[in-house]
PDB file of N, CA and C in Angstrom:
ATOM      1  N   MET A   1      12.855   7.671   6.257  1.00  0.00           N
ATOM      2  CA  MET A   1      13.172   6.805   5.146  1.00  0.00           C
ATOM      3  C   MET A   1      14.650   6.474   5.226  1.00  0.00           C
ATOM      4  N   ILE A   2      14.993   5.231   4.946  1.00  0.00           N
ATOM      5  CA  ILE A   2      16.368   4.768   4.982  1.00  0.00           C
ATOM      6  C   ILE A   2      16.732   4.214   3.610  1.00  0.00           C
ATOM      7  N   VAL A   3      17.813   4.710   3.033  1.00  0.00           N
ATOM      8  CA  VAL A   3      18.300   4.176   1.761  1.00  0.00           C
ATOM      9  C   VAL A   3      19.123   2.939   2.069  1.00  0.00           C
ATOM     10  N   LEU A   4      18.709   1.804   1.530  1.00  0.00           N
ATOM     11  CA  LEU A   4      19.426   0.557   1.777  1.00  0.00           C
ATOM     12  C   LEU A   4      20.529   0.301   0.775  1.00  0.00           C
ATOM     13  N   LEU A   5      20.327   0.731  -0.463  1.00  0.00           N
ATOM     14  CA  LEU A   5      21.296   0.478  -1.520  1.00  0.00           C
ATOM     15  C   LEU A   5      21.134   1.545  -2.583  1.00  0.00           C
ATOM     16  N   LYS A   6      22.248   2.109  -3.018  1.00  0.00           N
ATOM     17  CA  LYS A   6      22.189   3.120  -4.059  1.00  0.00           C
ATOM     18  C   LYS A   6      23.267   2.794  -5.083  1.00  0.00           C
ATOM     19  N   GLU A   7      22.825   2.343  -6.243  1.00  0.00           N
ATOM     20  CA  GLU A   7      23.765   2.014  -7.311  1.00  0.00           C
ATOM     21  C   GLU A   7      23.031   2.046  -8.637  1.00  0.00           C
ATOM     22  N   GLU A   8      23.785   2.195  -9.706  1.00  0.00           N
ATOM     23  CA  GLU A   8      23.191   2.171 -11.034  1.00  0.00           C
ATOM     24  C   GLU A   8      23.197   0.751 -11.564  1.00  0.00           C
ATOM     25  N   ASN A   9      22.172   0.417 -12.324  1.00  0.00           N
ATOM     26  CA  ASN A   9      22.074  -0.901 -12.936  1.00  0.00           C
ATOM     27  C   ASN A   9      22.134  -0.741 -14.445  1.00  0.00           C
ATOM     28  N   ALA A  10      22.987  -1.513 -15.076  1.00  0.00           N
ATOM     29  CA  ALA A  10      23.117  -1.441 -16.531  1.00  0.00           C
ATOM     30  C   ALA A  10      21.913  -2.087 -17.217  1.00  0.00           C
ATOM     31  N   GLU A  11      21.332  -3.072 -16.568  1.00  0.00           N
ATOM     32  CA  GLU A  11      20.200  -3.803 -17.142  1.00  0.00           C
ATOM     33  C   GLU A  11      19.034  -3.796 -16.163  1.00  0.00           C
ATOM     34  N   PRO A  12      17.806  -3.877 -16.683  1.00  0.00           N
ATOM     35  CA  PRO A  12      16.657  -3.989 -15.787  1.00  0.00           C
ATOM     36  C   PRO A  12      16.759  -5.259 -14.939  1.00  0.00           C
ATOM     37  N   GLN A  13      16.425  -5.137 -13.668  1.00  0.00           N
ATOM     38  CA  GLN A  13      16.480  -6.287 -12.772  1.00  0.00           C
ATOM     39  C   GLN A  13      15.222  -7.157 -12.869  1.00  0.00           C
ATOM     40  N   PHE A  14      14.127  -6.574 -13.302  1.00  0.00           N
ATOM     41  CA  PHE A  14      12.858  -7.288 -13.392  1.00  0.00           C
ATOM     42  C   PHE A  14      12.268  -7.054 -14.772  1.00  0.00           C
ATOM     43  N   ASN A  15      12.988  -7.466 -15.800  1.00  0.00           N
ATOM     44  CA  ASN A  15      12.587  -7.143 -17.172  1.00  0.00           C
ATOM     45  C   ASN A  15      11.282  -7.803 -17.618  1.00  0.00           C
ATOM     46  N   GLU A  16      10.819  -8.804 -16.920  1.00  0.00           N
ATOM     47  CA  GLU A  16       9.554  -9.453 -17.294  1.00  0.00           C
ATOM     48  C   GLU A  16       8.413  -9.039 -16.375  1.00  0.00           C
ATOM     49  N   TRP A  17       8.666  -8.074 -15.531  1.00  0.00           N
ATOM     50  CA  TRP A  17       7.678  -7.638 -14.559  1.00  0.00           C
ATOM     51  C   TRP A  17       7.069  -6.329 -15.029  1.00  0.00           C
ATOM     52  N   ALA A  18       5.754  -6.239 -15.007  1.00  0.00           N
ATOM     53  CA  ALA A  18       5.069  -5.031 -15.447  1.00  0.00           C
ATOM     54  C   ALA A  18       4.196  -4.498 -14.313  1.00  0.00           C
ATOM     55  N   MET A  19       4.079  -3.198 -14.274  1.00  0.00           N
ATOM     56  CA  MET A  19       3.207  -2.553 -13.293  1.00  0.00           C
ATOM     57  C   MET A  19       2.242  -1.651 -14.036  1.00  0.00           C
ATOM     58  N   GLY A  20       1.135  -1.425 -13.428  1.00  0.00           N
ATOM     59  CA  GLY A  20       0.168  -0.533 -14.036  1.00  0.00           C
ATOM     60  C   GLY A  20      -0.758   0.033 -12.979  1.00  0.00           C
ATOM     61  N   PHE A  21      -1.493   1.022 -13.366  1.00  0.00           N
ATOM     62  CA  PHE A  21      -2.451   1.653 -12.467  1.00  0.00           C
ATOM     63  C   PHE A  21      -3.735   1.852 -13.235  1.00  0.00           C
ATOM     64  N   LYS A  22      -4.815   1.485 -12.619  1.00  0.00           N
ATOM     65  CA  LYS A  22      -6.110   1.652 -13.259  1.00  0.00           C
ATOM     66  C   LYS A  22      -7.129   1.997 -12.182  1.00  0.00           C
ATOM     67  N   LYS A  23      -7.845   3.072 -12.400  1.00  0.00           N
ATOM     68  CA  LYS A  23      -8.925   3.415 -11.466  1.00  0.00           C
ATOM     69  C   LYS A  23     -10.091   2.479 -11.732  1.00  0.00           C
ATOM     70  N   ILE A  24     -10.634   1.927 -10.670  1.00  0.00           N
ATOM     71  CA  ILE A  24     -11.774   1.020 -10.812  1.00  0.00           C
ATOM     72  C   ILE A  24     -12.878   1.475  -9.864  1.00  0.00           C
ATOM     73  N   ASP A  25     -14.088   1.090 -10.212  1.00  0.00           N
ATOM     74  CA  ASP A  25     -15.210   1.471  -9.358  1.00  0.00           C
ATOM     75  C   ASP A  25     -15.309   0.511  -8.170  1.00  0.00           C
ATOM     76  N   ALA A  26     -16.135   0.860  -7.201  1.00  0.00           N
ATOM     77  CA  ALA A  26     -16.252   0.083  -5.967  1.00  0.00           C
ATOM     78  C   ALA A  26     -16.700  -1.353  -6.224  1.00  0.00           C
ATOM     79  N   LYS A  27     -17.608  -1.567  -7.164  1.00  0.00           N
ATOM     80  CA  LYS A  27     -18.093  -2.918  -7.451  1.00  0.00           C
ATOM     81  C   LYS A  27     -16.961  -3.788  -8.001  1.00  0.00           C
ATOM     82  N   THR A  28     -16.203  -3.254  -8.955  1.00  0.00           N
ATOM     83  CA  THR A  28     -15.089  -4.005  -9.522  1.00  0.00           C
ATOM     84  C   THR A  28     -14.026  -4.263  -8.463  1.00  0.00           C
ATOM     85  N   ALA A  29     -13.735  -3.256  -7.640  1.00  0.00           N
ATOM     86  CA  ALA A  29     -12.729  -3.403  -6.592  1.00  0.00           C
ATOM     87  C   ALA A  29     -13.097  -4.512  -5.625  1.00  0.00           C
ATOM     88  N   SER A  30     -14.373  -4.615  -5.291  1.00  0.00           N
ATOM     89  CA  SER A  30     -14.802  -5.642  -4.334  1.00  0.00           C
ATOM     90  C   SER A  30     -14.629  -7.047  -4.883  1.00  0.00           C
ATOM     91  N   GLU A  31     -14.458  -7.174  -6.189  1.00  0.00           N
ATOM     92  CA  GLU A  31     -14.267  -8.480  -6.815  1.00  0.00           C
ATOM     93  C   GLU A  31     -12.796  -8.873  -6.954  1.00  0.00           C
ATOM     94  N   VAL A  32     -11.885  -7.942  -6.658  1.00  0.00           N
ATOM     95  CA  VAL A  32     -10.449  -8.219  -6.774  1.00  0.00           C
ATOM     96  C   VAL A  32      -9.967  -8.849  -5.468  1.00  0.00           C
ATOM     97  N   PRO A  33      -9.436 -10.069  -5.527  1.00  0.00           N
ATOM     98  CA  PRO A  33      -8.958 -10.725  -4.296  1.00  0.00           C
ATOM     99  C   PRO A  33      -7.873  -9.898  -3.612  1.00  0.00           C
ATOM    100  N   GLY A  34      -8.030  -9.667  -2.321  1.00  0.00           N
ATOM    101  CA  GLY A  34      -7.035  -8.950  -1.545  1.00  0.00           C
ATOM    102  C   GLY A  34      -7.101  -7.441  -1.630  1.00  0.00           C
ATOM    103  N   TYR A  35      -8.006  -6.907  -2.438  1.00  0.00           N
ATOM    104  CA  TYR A  35      -8.110  -5.446  -2.562  1.00  0.00           C
ATOM    105  C   TYR A  35      -8.604  -4.832  -1.255  1.00  0.00           C
ATOM    106  N   SER A  36      -8.015  -3.717  -0.892  1.00  0.00           N
ATOM    107  CA  SER A  36      -8.458  -2.984   0.287  1.00  0.00           C
ATOM    108  C   SER A  36      -8.454  -1.492  -0.029  1.00  0.00           C
ATOM    109  N   ASP A  37      -9.483  -0.800   0.393  1.00  0.00           N
ATOM    110  CA  ASP A  37      -9.537   0.648   0.198  1.00  0.00           C
ATOM    111  C   ASP A  37      -8.926   1.386   1.381  1.00  0.00           C
ATOM    112  N   PHE A  38      -8.229   0.676   2.233  1.00  0.00           N
ATOM    113  CA  PHE A  38      -7.660   1.211   3.467  1.00  0.00           C
ATOM    114  C   PHE A  38      -6.901   2.515   3.243  1.00  0.00           C
ATOM    115  N   LEU A  39      -6.016   2.559   2.254  1.00  0.00           N
ATOM    116  CA  LEU A  39      -5.186   3.741   2.031  1.00  0.00           C
ATOM    117  C   LEU A  39      -5.895   4.820   1.217  1.00  0.00           C
ATOM    118  N   ASP A  40      -7.076   4.544   0.712  1.00  0.00           N
ATOM    119  CA  ASP A  40      -7.836   5.539  -0.035  1.00  0.00           C
ATOM    120  C   ASP A  40      -8.624   6.468   0.873  1.00  0.00           C
ATOM    121  N   LEU A  41      -8.793   6.094   2.116  1.00  0.00           N
ATOM    122  CA  LEU A  41      -9.618   6.861   3.039  1.00  0.00           C
ATOM    123  C   LEU A  41      -8.775   7.850   3.837  1.00  0.00           C
ATOM    124  N   PRO A  42      -9.258   9.062   4.006  1.00  0.00           N
ATOM    125  CA  PRO A  42      -8.518  10.004   4.850  1.00  0.00           C
ATOM    126  C   PRO A  42      -8.556   9.547   6.305  1.00  0.00           C
ATOM    127  N   LEU A  43      -7.540   9.909   7.060  1.00  0.00           N
ATOM    128  CA  LEU A  43      -7.479   9.489   8.462  1.00  0.00           C
ATOM    129  C   LEU A  43      -8.607  10.073   9.290  1.00  0.00           C
ATOM    130  N   THR A  44      -9.294  11.064   8.766  1.00  0.00           N
ATOM    131  CA  THR A  44     -10.404  11.663   9.500  1.00  0.00           C
ATOM    132  C   THR A  44     -11.745  11.015   9.140  1.00  0.00           C
ATOM    133  N   SER A  45     -11.709  10.013   8.281  1.00  0.00           N
ATOM    134  CA  SER A  45     -12.969   9.398   7.856  1.00  0.00           C
ATOM    135  C   SER A  45     -13.642   8.666   9.011  1.00  0.00           C
ATOM    136  N   GLU A  46     -14.904   8.432   8.853  1.00  0.00           N
ATOM    137  CA  GLU A  46     -15.688   7.725   9.871  1.00  0.00           C
ATOM    138  C   GLU A  46     -15.108   6.348  10.166  1.00  0.00           C
ATOM    139  N   LYS A  47     -14.596   5.702   9.136  1.00  0.00           N
ATOM    140  CA  LYS A  47     -14.031   4.352   9.313  1.00  0.00           C
ATOM    141  C   LYS A  47     -12.884   4.362  10.324  1.00  0.00           C
ATOM    142  N   PHE A  48     -12.004   5.371  10.244  1.00  0.00           N
ATOM    143  CA  PHE A  48     -10.881   5.451  11.166  1.00  0.00           C
ATOM    144  C   PHE A  48     -11.308   5.977  12.530  1.00  0.00           C
ATOM    145  N   GLN A  49     -12.245   6.915  12.540  1.00  0.00           N
ATOM    146  CA  GLN A  49     -12.700   7.459  13.813  1.00  0.00           C
ATOM    147  C   GLN A  49     -13.430   6.400  14.629  1.00  0.00           C
ATOM    148  N   SER A  50     -14.167   5.550  13.950  1.00  0.00           N
ATOM    149  CA  SER A  50     -14.925   4.532  14.671  1.00  0.00           C
ATOM    150  C   SER A  50     -14.062   3.335  15.072  1.00  0.00           C
ATOM    151  N   ASN A  51     -12.925   3.160  14.396  1.00  0.00           N
ATOM    152  CA  ASN A  51     -12.046   2.042  14.711  1.00  0.00           C
ATOM    153  C   ASN A  51     -10.593   2.476  14.541  1.00  0.00           C
ATOM    154  N   PRO A  52     -10.052   3.266  15.478  1.00  0.00           N
ATOM    155  CA  PRO A  52      -8.689   3.777  15.342  1.00  0.00           C
ATOM    156  C   PRO A  52      -7.635   2.679  15.323  1.00  0.00           C
ATOM    157  N   SER A  53      -7.987   1.470  15.735  1.00  0.00           N
ATOM    158  CA  SER A  53      -6.997   0.390  15.716  1.00  0.00           C
ATOM    159  C   SER A  53      -6.536   0.071  14.297  1.00  0.00           C
ATOM    160  N   LYS A  54      -7.342   0.409  13.283  1.00  0.00           N
ATOM    161  CA  LYS A  54      -6.923   0.191  11.888  1.00  0.00           C
ATOM    162  C   LYS A  54      -5.703   1.057  11.577  1.00  0.00           C
ATOM    163  N   SER A  55      -5.705   2.297  12.045  1.00  0.00           N
ATOM    164  CA  SER A  55      -4.560   3.180  11.833  1.00  0.00           C
ATOM    165  C   SER A  55      -3.337   2.659  12.581  1.00  0.00           C
ATOM    166  N   LEU A  56      -3.546   2.236  13.799  1.00  0.00           N
ATOM    167  CA  LEU A  56      -2.450   1.708  14.593  1.00  0.00           C
ATOM    168  C   LEU A  56      -1.856   0.462  13.944  1.00  0.00           C
ATOM    169  N   LYS A  57      -2.695  -0.385  13.418  1.00  0.00           N
ATOM    170  CA  LYS A  57      -2.231  -1.605  12.755  1.00  0.00           C
ATOM    171  C   LYS A  57      -1.321  -1.263  11.574  1.00  0.00           C
ATOM    172  N   LEU A  58      -1.694  -0.265  10.788  1.00  0.00           N
ATOM    173  CA  LEU A  58      -0.874   0.154   9.654  1.00  0.00           C
ATOM    174  C   LEU A  58       0.470   0.686  10.135  1.00  0.00           C
ATOM    175  N   LEU A  59       0.451   1.567  11.125  1.00  0.00           N
ATOM    176  CA  LEU A  59       1.693   2.139  11.639  1.00  0.00           C
ATOM    177  C   LEU A  59       2.610   1.065  12.220  1.00  0.00           C
ATOM    178  N   LEU A  60       2.046   0.123  12.932  1.00  0.00           N
ATOM    179  CA  LEU A  60       2.861  -0.949  13.509  1.00  0.00           C
ATOM    180  C   LEU A  60       3.463  -1.847  12.434  1.00  0.00           C
ATOM    181  N   SER A  61       2.747  -2.030  11.325  1.00  0.00           N
ATOM    182  CA  SER A  61       3.306  -2.852  10.248  1.00  0.00           C
ATOM    183  C   SER A  61       4.515  -2.169   9.631  1.00  0.00           C
ATOM    184  N   PHE A  62       4.478  -0.828   9.493  1.00  0.00           N
ATOM    185  CA  PHE A  62       5.658  -0.104   9.003  1.00  0.00           C
ATOM    186  C   PHE A  62       6.806  -0.219   9.991  1.00  0.00           C
ATOM    187  N   LYS A  63       6.493  -0.088  11.279  1.00  0.00           N
ATOM    188  CA  LYS A  63       7.525  -0.173  12.315  1.00  0.00           C
ATOM    189  C   LYS A  63       8.179  -1.556  12.292  1.00  0.00           C
ATOM    190  N   ARG A  64       7.388  -2.593  12.185  1.00  0.00           N
ATOM    191  CA  ARG A  64       7.896  -3.969  12.170  1.00  0.00           C
ATOM    192  C   ARG A  64       8.810  -4.180  10.967  1.00  0.00           C
ATOM    193  N   ASP A  65       8.420  -3.644   9.805  1.00  0.00           N
ATOM    194  CA  ASP A  65       9.197  -3.848   8.593  1.00  0.00           C
ATOM    195  C   ASP A  65      10.481  -3.019   8.574  1.00  0.00           C
ATOM    196  N   MET A  66      10.594  -2.034   9.432  1.00  0.00           N
ATOM    197  CA  MET A  66      11.804  -1.200   9.481  1.00  0.00           C
ATOM    198  C   MET A  66      12.905  -1.839  10.303  1.00  0.00           C
ATOM    199  N   ARG A  67      12.604  -2.862  11.037  1.00  0.00           N
ATOM    200  CA  ARG A  67      13.618  -3.508  11.901  1.00  0.00           C
ATOM    201  C   ARG A  67      14.529  -4.385  11.115  1.00  0.00           C
TER     202      ARG A  67
END
């Protein structure tokens, strides 16, 4: 992990931006555009064992974004 900037802010930088977390069932999740259960699965799951390129794709995306 690399710290890019460390400073205190007197005011919120994204005061109109809200975040939340809600557990949803598989049916509801499948209806959300762009939703992926990729990070919910353990690396030992059948999905990763049968297609290890999914794991590699994730790792390469982190590597690309670190440059």
